[in-house]
C-alpha cells in the first residue's frame, strides 16, 4: 500500500488506542495486514528489477505531495489530533516501508536487506500470482485511503 494509506490507518489507531507502545504495535500489525491485500501492478517476484526507480518515483512524486495535501486539509479543518499515541501508531504503520527503502538508499549496509526480504515475504505470503493493472490497484489504494480518512474524522 502507499505510505499515505498506512499512515491513515495509523491515524485511526492513534485516535482509539491511548497507549503509545500498544499504538505502535497495532500500527505495525496493520501494516502487515494491509500489505497482504493485492495492491501492486507487478508480480512480487519481479519487483527487484526496477525497484530503485519505482521506489523513488512513488515516494517523491506521489507520496510526499499526497501526504502534504491530506495533512494540510486535516490541519485546516481542525481534524488532526497530534499526541504521542497517534505519532507512534503512524511510525509503527510506516516503519517497515522506510526500513525497506533504506536498503535501496544504502545497499552496502546488509542489515537493511533483512527488511527487503521481510517485505517481499509479507507480500507473497498470502498473495501469489497476481498482477493488477493500474485501473485495479489504484482504486484499491485510494478507496482504502478515503475509507480510513472518513473513519478518522467521524
Foldseek 3Di string as FASTA:
>chain_A
DALLLLLLLLLLLLVPDPDQVVLLVVSLVVLLVVLQDDAAQDFLVPCVPPVLVVVCCCVPPPRPVVVVVVVVVCVVVVLRDDDNNSVSNSCSNCVLVVLQVVCVVCVVPCVSVVSVVVSSCSNVVNDGDDGDDCVPNVCVSVVSSVVSNVSSRD
